[in-house]
Protein backbone atom coordinates (compact mmCIF):
# COMPACT_ATOMS: atom_id res chain seq x y z
CA MET A 1 0.00 0.00 0.00
CA VAL A 2 1.34 3.44 -0.96
CA PHE A 3 0.50 6.61 1.00
CA ASN A 4 0.86 10.28 0.17
CA HIS A 5 1.04 11.81 3.64
CA SER A 6 0.92 15.50 2.70
CA ARG A 7 -2.17 15.10 0.51
CA SER A 8 -3.98 12.77 2.89
CA THR A 9 -3.39 15.08 5.84
CA SER A 10 -5.04 18.03 4.14
CA SER A 11 -7.97 16.01 2.86
CA CYS A 12 -8.75 14.11 6.07
CA SER A 13 -7.95 16.62 8.80
CA ASP A 14 -11.60 17.58 9.46
CA VAL A 15 -13.41 14.42 8.34
CA ASP A 16 -15.28 12.44 10.99
CA PHE A 17 -14.38 8.75 10.83
CA SER A 18 -15.86 7.86 14.21
CA PHE A 19 -17.94 5.09 12.62
CA ALA A 20 -14.69 3.29 11.72
CA PHE A 21 -12.92 3.47 15.07
CA ASN A 22 -12.09 -0.02 16.34
CA ASP A 23 -14.41 -1.60 13.80
CA SER A 24 -13.10 -4.66 11.94
CA LYS A 25 -15.28 -3.91 8.89
CA PHE A 26 -13.45 -0.64 8.21
CA SER A 27 -9.98 -1.67 9.38
CA ASP A 28 -7.07 -3.31 7.65
CA ARG A 29 -4.77 -3.91 10.63
CA ILE A 30 -4.76 -4.78 14.31
CA LEU A 31 -2.80 -2.67 16.76
CA ARG A 32 -1.40 -4.61 19.68
CA ILE A 33 -0.59 -2.34 22.64
CA GLU A 34 1.69 -3.85 25.27
CA ILE A 35 1.03 -1.95 28.51
CA VAL A 36 3.83 -2.17 31.07
CA GLU A 37 2.29 -1.95 34.52
CA ASN A 38 5.21 -1.24 36.83
CA LEU A 39 8.18 0.30 35.08
CA VAL A 40 8.56 2.75 37.97
CA ASP A 41 9.02 1.68 41.57
CA ASP A 42 6.25 3.16 43.70
CA GLU A 43 8.69 3.76 46.54
CA HIS A 44 10.60 6.20 44.37
CA CYS A 45 7.78 7.82 42.43
CA LEU A 46 4.23 8.07 43.72
CA ASP A 47 1.41 8.41 41.21
CA SER A 48 -1.38 10.90 41.81
CA ASP A 49 -5.13 10.81 41.33
CA GLY A 50 -7.12 13.91 40.47
CA ASP A 51 -5.75 17.18 39.17
CA ASP A 52 -2.66 17.75 41.33
CA TYR A 53 -0.36 19.28 38.72
CA TRP A 54 2.79 19.04 40.79
CA ASN A 55 2.40 15.36 41.71
CA ARG A 56 1.65 14.49 38.10
CA GLN A 57 4.69 16.40 36.96
CA TYR A 58 6.77 14.58 39.57
CA ARG A 59 5.51 11.28 38.24
CA ARG A 60 6.45 12.27 34.68
CA GLN A 61 9.90 13.30 35.78
CA CYS A 62 10.38 9.93 37.45
CA ASP A 63 9.20 8.22 34.27
CA ASP A 64 11.70 10.22 32.24
CA ILE A 65 14.50 9.23 34.60
CA HIS A 66 13.50 5.57 34.30
CA HIS A 67 13.35 5.80 30.52
CA HIS A 68 16.85 7.22 30.49
CA ASN A 69 18.25 4.51 32.75
CA TYR A 70 16.88 1.74 30.53
CA HIS A 71 17.66 3.38 27.20
CA ASP A 72 19.12 0.17 25.79
CA PHE A 73 15.66 -1.40 25.49
CA TYR A 74 13.24 1.41 26.19
CA ASP A 75 13.01 4.00 23.43
CA GLU A 76 12.04 7.41 24.83
CA ARG A 77 9.37 7.84 22.19
CA ILE A 78 7.73 4.43 22.04
CA LEU A 79 8.28 0.84 23.19
CA ILE A 80 7.93 -2.16 20.89
CA THR A 81 9.43 -5.60 20.24
CA ASN A 82 12.73 -6.45 18.58
CA GLN A 83 12.01 -5.88 14.88
CA ALA A 84 13.76 -3.49 12.50
CA ASP A 85 14.30 0.16 13.41
CA ILE A 86 12.69 2.74 11.16
CA ASP A 87 14.29 6.22 11.34
CA ASN A 88 15.58 5.44 14.83
CA CYS A 89 12.13 5.61 16.43
CA VAL A 90 9.60 3.36 14.65
CA LEU A 91 9.58 -0.41 15.04
CA TYR A 92 6.96 -3.01 14.30
CA GLU A 93 6.18 -6.68 14.71
CA ASN A 94 4.15 -9.33 12.94
CA GLN A 95 1.75 -11.30 15.14
CA GLU A 96 -0.21 -13.91 13.22
CA LYS A 97 -2.33 -14.85 16.19
CA GLU A 98 -5.80 -13.33 15.76
CA THR A 99 -6.98 -11.08 18.55
CA THR A 100 -10.06 -9.00 19.09
CA SER A 101 -10.51 -5.53 20.53
CA THR A 102 -12.14 -6.88 23.65
CA ASN A 103 -9.41 -9.37 24.44
CA GLU A 104 -6.61 -8.55 26.84
CA GLU A 105 -3.56 -10.71 27.37
CA ARG A 106 -1.27 -10.63 30.35
CA LEU A 107 2.30 -11.69 29.66
CA SER A 108 4.58 -13.13 32.27
CA GLY A 109 7.94 -11.60 32.99
CA ASP A 110 9.68 -14.25 30.86
CA GLU A 111 7.31 -13.83 27.91
CA SER A 112 7.49 -10.05 27.90
CA SER A 113 11.24 -9.86 28.20
CA HIS A 114 12.37 -12.62 25.87
CA ASN A 115 13.38 -10.06 23.25
CA HIS A 116 15.19 -7.74 25.67
CA ASP A 117 18.04 -7.88 28.09
CA TRP A 118 16.05 -6.64 31.07
CA SER A 119 17.79 -5.73 34.31
CA SER A 120 17.72 -8.64 36.73
CA ASP A 121 16.21 -6.51 39.50
CA CYS A 122 13.46 -5.05 37.32
CA SER A 123 10.22 -7.02 37.51
CA ILE A 124 7.68 -6.13 34.83
CA ASP A 125 4.05 -7.00 34.27
CA VAL A 126 2.80 -6.56 30.70
CA ARG A 127 -0.88 -6.39 29.74
CA VAL A 128 -1.90 -6.46 26.08
CA ARG A 129 -4.76 -4.47 24.57
CA THR A 130 -5.77 -4.76 20.90
CA LEU A 131 -7.62 -2.35 18.62
CA TYR A 132 -8.74 -2.49 15.01
CA ILE A 133 -7.11 0.35 13.06
CA SER A 134 -7.25 1.78 9.56
CA SER A 135 -3.74 2.45 8.28
CA PRO A 136 -4.81 5.21 5.79
CA ILE A 137 -6.55 7.19 8.56
CA LEU A 138 -3.64 6.92 10.99
CA ALA A 139 -1.08 7.61 8.26
CA ALA A 140 -3.02 10.72 7.22
CA LYS A 141 -2.81 12.18 10.73
CA SER A 142 0.60 10.99 11.87
CA PRO A 143 4.04 10.91 10.20
CA PHE A 144 4.88 8.24 12.77
CA PHE A 145 2.28 5.83 11.41
CA TYR A 146 2.88 6.97 7.84
CA LYS A 147 6.50 5.82 8.07
CA LEU A 148 5.43 2.66 9.88
CA PHE A 149 3.02 1.62 7.12
CA SER A 150 5.03 2.77 4.07
CA ASN A 151 8.66 1.95 4.82
CA GLY A 152 8.89 -0.48 1.88
CA MET A 153 9.88 -3.48 3.98
CA LYS A 154 7.85 -6.67 4.05
CA GLU A 155 6.63 -5.96 7.59
CA SER A 156 4.76 -2.89 6.32
CA GLU A 157 2.32 -5.28 4.62
CA GLN A 158 1.66 -7.33 7.74
CA THR A 159 -1.64 -6.99 9.51
CA HIS A 160 -0.47 -6.84 13.13
CA VAL A 161 1.71 -4.13 14.68
CA THR A 162 2.82 -3.87 18.28
CA ILE A 163 3.74 -0.89 20.40
CA ARG A 164 4.66 -0.76 24.08
CA ILE A 165 3.73 2.04 26.47
CA ASN A 166 3.71 2.72 30.18
CA ALA A 167 0.45 2.03 32.00
CA SER A 168 0.12 5.74 32.88
CA GLU A 169 -0.07 6.51 29.14
CA GLU A 170 -2.81 4.05 28.25
CA ALA A 171 -5.84 6.35 28.56
CA ALA A 172 -4.06 9.14 26.70
CA VAL A 173 -2.92 6.90 23.83
CA VAL A 174 -6.40 5.40 23.35
CA ASP A 175 -7.92 8.90 23.47
CA LEU A 176 -5.34 10.00 20.89
CA LEU A 177 -6.22 7.15 18.57
CA ASN A 178 -9.89 8.05 18.91
CA PHE A 179 -9.06 11.69 18.07
CA MET A 180 -7.40 10.61 14.84
CA TYR A 181 -10.79 9.27 13.78
CA THR A 182 -13.17 11.82 15.31
CA ASN A 183 -11.17 15.05 15.86
CA MET A 184 -12.56 15.03 19.41
CA LEU A 185 -11.21 14.09 22.83
CA SER A 186 -12.87 12.62 25.90
CA ALA A 187 -10.22 14.19 28.16
CA SER A 188 -11.49 17.32 29.87
CA SER A 189 -9.20 18.03 32.83
CA ALA A 190 -5.89 19.83 32.47
CA THR A 191 -3.88 16.81 33.59
CA ALA A 192 -5.65 14.47 31.19
CA LEU A 193 -5.15 16.91 28.31
CA LEU A 194 -1.47 17.19 29.17
CA ASP A 195 -1.18 13.40 29.01
CA VAL A 196 -2.81 13.39 25.57
CA LEU A 197 -0.57 16.27 24.48
CA MET A 198 2.53 14.29 25.40
CA ALA A 199 1.20 11.20 23.65
CA ALA A 200 0.42 13.28 20.56
CA ASP A 201 4.00 14.52 20.58
CA LYS A 202 5.35 10.96 20.74
CA PHE A 203 3.20 9.83 17.83
CA GLU A 204 3.63 13.11 15.89
CA VAL A 205 -0.07 14.00 15.69
CA ALA A 206 0.27 17.76 15.21
CA SER A 207 -3.48 18.35 14.85
CA CYS A 208 -4.10 16.82 18.29
CA MET A 209 -1.26 18.84 19.79
CA ARG A 210 -2.86 22.04 18.49
CA TYR A 211 -6.26 20.95 19.79
CA CYS A 212 -4.93 20.15 23.27
CA SER A 213 -3.00 23.41 23.35
CA GLN A 214 -6.13 25.36 22.45
CA LEU A 215 -8.25 23.62 25.10
CA LEU A 216 -5.60 24.25 27.77
CA ARG A 217 -5.36 27.93 26.81
CA ASN A 218 -9.12 28.26 27.17
CA MET A 219 -9.00 26.94 30.74
CA PRO A 220 -8.52 29.32 33.69
CA MET A 221 -4.77 29.56 34.25
CA THR A 222 -3.07 29.51 37.63
CA SER A 223 0.55 29.98 38.65
CA GLU A 224 0.85 26.21 39.13
CA SER A 225 -0.55 25.32 35.72
CA ALA A 226 1.49 28.03 33.98
CA LEU A 227 4.68 26.70 35.54
CA LEU A 228 3.74 23.14 34.59
CA TYR A 229 3.25 24.14 30.94
CA LEU A 230 6.68 25.77 30.94
CA GLU A 231 8.28 22.65 32.45
CA LEU A 232 7.09 20.30 29.71
CA PRO A 233 9.80 18.28 27.95
CA PHE A 234 12.06 20.39 25.75
CA THR A 235 10.95 18.78 22.47
CA LEU A 236 7.35 19.56 23.37
CA LEU A 237 8.15 23.17 24.29
CA MET A 238 9.78 23.68 20.89
CA ALA A 239 6.80 22.33 18.93
CA ASP A 240 4.95 24.99 16.93
CA ALA A 241 1.62 23.62 18.13
CA VAL A 242 2.56 24.20 21.78
CA GLN A 243 4.13 27.65 21.36
CA PRO A 244 0.83 29.54 21.87
CA LEU A 245 0.29 27.69 25.17
CA THR A 246 3.77 28.39 26.52
CA HIS A 247 3.53 32.00 25.34
CA ALA A 248 0.25 32.39 27.24
CA ALA A 249 1.84 30.83 30.33
CA ARG A 250 4.78 33.25 30.22
CA GLN A 251 2.43 36.20 29.76
CA TYR A 252 0.30 35.06 32.69
CA LEU A 253 3.26 34.80 35.06
CA ALA A 254 4.64 38.14 33.87
CA SER A 255 1.29 39.82 34.44
CA ILE A 256 0.58 38.50 37.95
CA TYR A 257 4.14 39.27 39.07
CA LYS A 258 4.28 42.55 37.18
CA ASP A 259 4.89 44.44 40.43
CA ILE A 260 7.90 42.30 41.24
CA LEU A 261 8.82 44.24 44.38
CA LYS A 262 5.35 43.75 45.84
CA PHE A 263 5.50 39.98 45.32
CA GLN A 264 9.19 39.56 45.97
CA GLU A 265 8.74 36.76 48.53
CA GLU A 266 6.64 34.72 46.08
CA VAL A 267 9.10 35.40 43.27
CA MET A 268 11.94 34.05 45.41
CA SER A 269 10.20 30.65 45.54
CA LEU A 270 9.57 30.35 41.78
CA PRO A 271 11.50 27.78 39.74
CA LEU A 272 13.87 28.78 36.96
CA VAL A 273 11.23 28.77 34.21
CA GLY A 274 9.11 31.14 36.29
CA ILE A 275 11.83 33.73 36.82
CA GLU A 276 12.71 33.48 33.11
CA ALA A 277 9.11 34.28 32.17
CA ILE A 278 9.11 37.35 34.41
CA LEU A 279 12.45 38.65 33.15
CA SER A 280 11.26 38.35 29.53
CA SER A 281 8.54 40.95 30.09
CA ASP A 282 8.82 44.59 29.02
CA ASP A 283 6.13 45.70 31.47
CA LEU A 284 7.70 44.97 34.84
CA GLN A 285 7.01 47.60 37.46
CA ILE A 286 10.57 48.05 38.67
CA THR A 287 12.51 51.12 39.66
CA SER A 288 15.46 50.32 37.39
CA GLU A 289 17.38 47.50 35.76
CA ASP A 290 19.90 47.89 38.59
CA ALA A 291 17.23 46.90 41.11
CA LEU A 292 16.08 44.00 38.93
CA TYR A 293 19.65 42.70 38.69
CA ASP A 294 19.88 42.68 42.49
CA ILE A 295 16.63 40.69 42.71
CA VAL A 296 17.95 38.14 40.20
CA LEU A 297 21.12 37.70 42.23
CA LYS A 298 19.10 37.27 45.41
CA TRP A 299 16.89 34.65 43.73
CA ALA A 300 19.89 32.76 42.34
CA ARG A 301 21.61 32.66 45.72
CA SER A 302 18.50 31.27 47.41
CA GLN A 303 17.73 28.68 44.72
CA TYR A 304 21.30 27.57 43.93
CA PRO A 305 23.48 27.58 47.06
CA ASP A 306 26.26 25.80 45.19
CA PRO A 307 28.46 28.60 43.68
CA GLU A 308 29.36 26.69 40.51
CA GLU A 309 25.78 25.69 39.76
CA ARG A 310 24.63 29.26 40.44
CA LYS A 311 27.29 30.65 38.15
CA HIS A 312 26.21 28.28 35.38
CA VAL A 313 22.53 29.21 35.67
CA LEU A 314 23.24 32.94 35.77
CA SER A 315 25.65 32.78 32.84
CA THR A 316 23.68 30.50 30.52
CA ARG A 317 20.02 31.12 31.39
CA LEU A 318 19.46 34.44 33.16
CA ALA A 319 22.20 36.77 31.89
CA ARG A 320 20.58 36.92 28.45
CA LEU A 321 17.34 38.19 30.04
CA ILE A 322 18.91 41.05 31.99
CA ARG A 323 18.95 44.28 29.99
CA PHE A 324 22.44 45.49 30.76
CA PRO A 325 22.29 48.50 28.37
CA TYR A 326 19.78 50.13 30.75
CA MET A 327 21.84 49.56 33.88
CA SER A 328 23.81 52.45 35.31
CA CYS A 329 27.55 52.60 34.70
CA ARG A 330 27.99 52.40 38.45
CA LYS A 331 26.20 49.02 38.52
CA LEU A 332 27.98 47.78 35.38
CA LYS A 333 31.29 48.30 37.18
CA LYS A 334 30.02 46.06 39.97
CA VAL A 335 28.98 43.41 37.44
CA LEU A 336 32.54 43.32 36.13
CA CYS A 337 33.89 42.82 39.64
CA CYS A 338 31.24 40.27 40.65
CA ASN A 339 32.21 36.59 40.60
CA GLU A 340 28.60 35.34 40.32
CA MET A 341 28.89 34.98 36.52
CA GLU A 342 31.52 33.63 34.20
CA ARG A 343 34.09 36.40 33.80
CA GLU A 344 34.17 36.14 30.01
CA ILE A 345 30.38 36.39 29.72
CA ALA A 346 30.12 39.26 32.20
CA THR A 347 32.84 41.22 30.37
CA LYS A 348 31.14 40.67 27.00
CA LEU A 349 27.74 41.81 28.31
CA VAL A 350 29.13 44.91 30.01
CA PHE A 351 31.13 45.98 26.94
CA GLU A 352 28.11 45.47 24.69
CA ALA A 353 26.03 47.58 27.09
CA LEU A 354 28.61 50.38 27.09
CA PHE A 355 28.81 50.38 23.29
CA PHE A 356 25.02 50.57 23.12
CA LYS A 357 24.99 53.49 25.56
CA ALA A 358 27.55 55.32 23.42
CA GLU A 359 25.36 55.17 20.31
CA ALA A 360 23.21 58.11 19.27
CA PRO A 361 19.51 57.69 20.21
CA HIS A 362 18.39 57.12 16.63
CA GLN A 363 21.08 54.46 16.19
CA GLN A 364 19.94 52.80 19.43
CA ARG A 365 16.41 52.53 18.05
CA ILE A 366 17.77 50.91 14.89
CA LEU A 367 19.70 48.37 16.97
CA VAL A 368 16.60 47.57 19.07
CA GLU A 369 14.44 47.06 15.97
CA SER A 370 17.11 44.96 14.28
CA ALA A 371 17.57 42.72 17.33
CA SER A 372 13.81 42.26 17.68
CA ALA A 373 13.42 41.36 14.01
CA SER A 374 16.32 38.92 13.84
CA LYS A 375 15.98 37.19 17.21
CA GLY A 376 12.26 37.65 17.84
CA SER A 377 13.07 39.11 21.25
CA ASN A 378 13.07 42.52 22.89
CA MET A 379 16.13 42.06 25.07
CA LEU A 380 17.42 45.44 23.89
CA ALA A 381 14.08 47.11 24.49
CA GLU A 382 13.63 49.45 27.41
CA ARG A 383 11.27 48.38 30.18
CA ALA A 384 8.72 50.67 31.82
CA TYR A 385 11.10 51.72 34.59
CA LYS A 386 9.93 53.93 37.43
CA TYR A 387 13.22 55.81 37.15
CA ARG A 388 14.21 56.72 33.60
CA PRO A 389 17.63 55.49 32.38
CA LEU A 390 20.35 58.04 31.70
CA ARG A 391 23.53 58.33 29.71
CA VAL A 392 26.29 59.90 31.79
CA LEU A 393 29.72 61.18 30.77
CA GLU A 394 32.07 61.87 33.69
CA PHE A 395 35.23 63.95 33.75
CA GLU A 396 37.79 64.29 36.54
CA ALA A 397 39.97 67.07 35.07
CA PRO A 398 40.33 69.98 34.99
CA ARG A 399 37.36 69.89 37.36
CA GLN A 400 34.89 67.24 38.39
CA GLN A 401 32.17 67.45 35.79
CA CYS A 402 29.47 65.29 34.20
CA MET A 403 27.08 65.55 31.27
CA VAL A 404 23.76 63.76 31.74
CA TYR A 405 21.45 62.86 28.84
CA LEU A 406 17.76 62.15 29.48
CA ASP A 407 15.39 61.07 26.69
CA LEU A 408 11.61 61.18 27.19
CA LYS A 409 9.12 59.79 24.70
CA ARG A 410 6.22 61.95 23.59
CA GLU A 411 3.68 59.62 25.20
CA GLU A 412 5.59 59.80 28.48
CA CYS A 413 5.42 63.58 28.40
CA ALA A 414 1.71 63.48 27.52
CA ASN A 415 1.05 61.24 30.53
CA LEU A 416 2.47 63.91 32.85
CA PHE A 417 -0.51 66.22 32.27
CA PRO A 418 -1.92 67.83 34.38
CA SER A 419 0.36 67.41 37.42
CA GLY A 420 2.55 64.33 36.94
CA ARG A 421 6.28 63.93 37.20
CA VAL A 422 8.92 61.41 36.17
CA TYR A 423 12.27 60.81 37.83
CA SER A 424 15.58 59.68 36.35
CA GLN A 425 17.95 57.10 37.69
CA ALA A 426 20.58 58.42 40.07
CA PHE A 427 23.96 59.59 38.84
CA HIS A 428 26.99 60.57 40.88
CA LEU A 429 29.35 63.51 40.96
CA GLY A 430 31.96 64.14 43.61
CA GLY A 431 30.74 61.17 45.61
CA GLN A 432 27.20 62.58 45.83
CA GLY A 433 24.05 61.19 44.22
CA PHE A 434 21.85 63.39 41.99
CA PHE A 435 18.76 62.90 39.82
CA LEU A 436 16.69 64.77 37.23
CA SER A 437 12.92 65.13 37.36
CA ALA A 438 10.50 66.32 34.68
CA HIS A 439 7.22 67.91 35.79
CA CYS A 440 4.00 69.22 34.34
CA ASN A 441 3.57 72.48 36.25
CA MET A 442 1.20 75.40 36.47
CA ASP A 443 2.98 78.58 35.44
CA GLN A 444 2.55 80.99 38.37
CA GLU A 445 2.48 84.13 36.21
CA SER A 446 0.45 83.03 33.19
CA SER A 447 -1.68 80.32 34.85
CA PHE A 448 -1.15 77.70 32.13
CA HIS A 449 0.41 74.27 32.25
CA CYS A 450 4.01 73.95 31.13
CA PHE A 451 6.98 71.59 31.09
CA GLY A 452 9.50 71.86 33.91
CA LEU A 453 12.91 70.28 34.51
CA PHE A 454 14.65 70.04 37.91
CA LEU A 455 17.92 68.82 39.37
CA GLY A 456 17.85 67.23 42.82
CA MET A 457 20.28 65.73 45.30
CA GLN A 458 19.53 62.31 46.78
CA GLU A 459 20.60 62.98 50.33
CA LYS A 460 22.47 65.43 52.47
CA GLY A 461 26.09 65.94 51.54
CA SER A 462 29.00 68.31 51.84
CA ILE A 463 29.23 69.62 48.24
CA SER A 464 29.61 73.39 48.10
CA SER A 465 28.47 74.90 44.79
CA VAL A 466 27.44 73.18 41.58
CA ASP A 467 27.30 74.91 38.23
CA TYR A 468 24.48 73.47 36.15
CA GLU A 469 23.15 73.99 32.65
CA PHE A 470 20.00 72.62 31.02
CA ALA A 471 20.01 72.13 27.24
CA VAL A 472 17.67 70.58 24.69
CA ARG A 473 17.93 69.55 21.08
CA CYS A 474 15.60 71.81 19.17
CA ARG A 475 16.34 70.50 15.68
CA PRO A 476 17.43 67.14 14.29
CA THR A 477 21.02 68.36 13.95
CA ASP A 478 22.34 66.51 17.02
CA GLU A 479 23.22 69.88 18.55
CA PHE A 480 21.95 70.87 21.98
CA VAL A 481 20.77 74.42 22.60
CA SER A 482 21.29 75.83 26.07
CA LYS A 483 18.10 76.91 27.84
CA TYR A 484 19.08 77.84 31.35
CA LYS A 485 22.21 77.81 33.46
CA GLY A 486 23.07 78.78 37.01
CA ASN A 487 24.76 77.89 40.25
CA TYR A 488 23.25 76.23 43.28
CA THR A 489 24.48 75.13 46.69
CA PHE A 490 22.81 71.89 47.67
CA THR A 491 22.11 71.27 51.32
CA GLY A 492 20.13 68.04 50.88
CA GLY A 493 16.47 67.39 50.24
CA LYS A 494 16.14 70.28 47.77
CA ALA A 495 16.05 70.69 44.01
CA VAL A 496 16.73 73.47 41.54
CA GLY A 497 15.23 73.95 38.08
CA TYR A 498 12.69 75.76 35.94
CA ARG A 499 8.92 75.43 35.93
CA ASN A 500 8.65 76.46 32.30
CA LEU A 501 11.78 75.23 30.58
CA PHE A 502 10.57 76.14 27.10
CA ALA A 503 8.69 79.34 28.01
CA ILE A 504 5.58 78.08 26.21
CA PRO A 505 2.20 76.62 27.29
CA TRP A 506 1.81 72.85 27.57
CA THR A 507 -0.44 72.73 24.49
CA SER A 508 2.28 74.31 22.36
CA PHE A 509 4.94 72.08 23.87
CA MET A 510 2.94 68.94 22.97
CA ALA A 511 2.00 70.13 19.46
CA ASP A 512 2.70 67.67 16.67
CA ASP A 513 5.04 70.09 14.91
CA CYS A 514 7.03 70.97 18.03
CA LEU A 515 10.72 70.96 17.15
CA TYR A 516 11.68 69.82 20.62
CA PHE A 517 10.41 66.34 19.79
CA ILE A 518 12.72 64.58 17.35
CA ASN A 519 11.08 61.41 16.08
CA ASP A 520 8.65 61.66 19.02
CA VAL A 521 11.49 61.82 21.56
CA LEU A 522 12.46 64.79 23.72
CA HIS A 523 16.24 64.97 24.18
CA LEU A 524 17.43 66.77 27.32
CA ARG A 525 20.90 67.38 28.65
CA ALA A 526 22.10 68.57 32.05
CA GLU A 527 25.71 69.60 32.58
CA LEU A 528 27.06 69.78 36.14
CA THR A 529 30.39 71.04 37.38
CA ILE A 530 31.70 71.31 40.92
CA ARG A 531 32.84 74.90 41.17
CA GLN A 532 35.51 74.38 43.81
CA ASN A 533 38.12 71.63 43.88
CA HIS A 534 37.44 68.92 46.43
CA SER A 535 39.15 65.80 47.65
CA LEU A 536 36.04 63.77 46.91
CA HIS A 537 36.32 61.30 44.06
CA SER A 538 33.65 60.29 41.57
CA THR A 539 32.39 56.74 41.99
């Protein structure tokens, strides 16, 4: 018999063949399912009834470990008898003895293991279940069965085929076979659907994988179920049919832990896949990437007390999710000196971040768009930080001086109306911390709303006088035009600035043709210089 899998799949995908399921009149073969009752020792892996996601996952993990230990005779995808190997995963057997769908055999340990070199301390109990199957229907839905029935060898013409599965897979496999006829499943709980999903992956039934994924997405999601979806076997996670489910799980975890500081205790107890989902989000409510980096370190230290294991996880799994370009230079210096990550990886990430910071804003946007298009990720994208990132240039001679660049998007400025404000990350000069803040103010003389910019000091210090200058790019010439300059002596807890930086009403400032916005971004610069020489050093 010759099959054309691509054509048969498209023509039969939505046809209901329920009348033919397990019916000898419409079947050309008999499927013999050997069900192994006790591959896993109950003392080492307890099964679970009901919908306890974690116990079921534990049972699967134990199964996977057992499969690995007995890899010489137990293929990870499917168990069968000792006939030829098709594409390293499909085997078959001829059984001339007639069986019916209602008959079940129970093989002794000797009978079930005569074709395998079973471990002497592994006692097995094999039960046999038979079903009538139609090879064209199964081949149309599954590349697995297509290869089994069309491999060109003499066994492909035989009427009996045998597969071997674990007893915990029986209900899922039978439900899967029924789906290939009816496009429907009897499974309704999340755990049962997950079992069918894993069976569909083993037998390469993509339509059933998509169906299970859709049903699971339509169910109310919880933290436990989302984590379970993300901890599915790697091959299953990579399947196109499962991608929408894992994407929904990541989005769910990112949304419920959006305020990561508020739920920090819960976050500390999440497994690796959970923290990865959170770090992938652009919408985290976090003060800065510096603060997020500290949380990641705290999580890694609590979850991986072994230094080498922690270093491996941070370097290979979490470092790629931390957005180093938006960390302060002060924190990047600490990353270089930290021994929590591989030195080579930390150096590479810090240098890449510094090069990104040195680029012009329009070039940064190009890099972000290019990275997103090529890698499908936004790891260069800026998060919604509470404190806006800065670019800072520091000079020690002839006087301690720094130039601070703050970019605000048009929508951020619009959100300030009528009385909002946004703060920058801290920067340091002469050992003292400063910040910039943008306000929507009411002009005291003209009684209209306007844009204000202020310079503040974080805490009390001993700095005498600071010369400051505020500048803005008015035209797309990459030149900043000075707006205001002055001198101020900070005593702590105070700020200096201008309520109406542009000397225009808010409506004019936010006009579409306003030259202050270049490509919908407002570019501000503050230049600070310590007037008198001090013994303090910039950090």
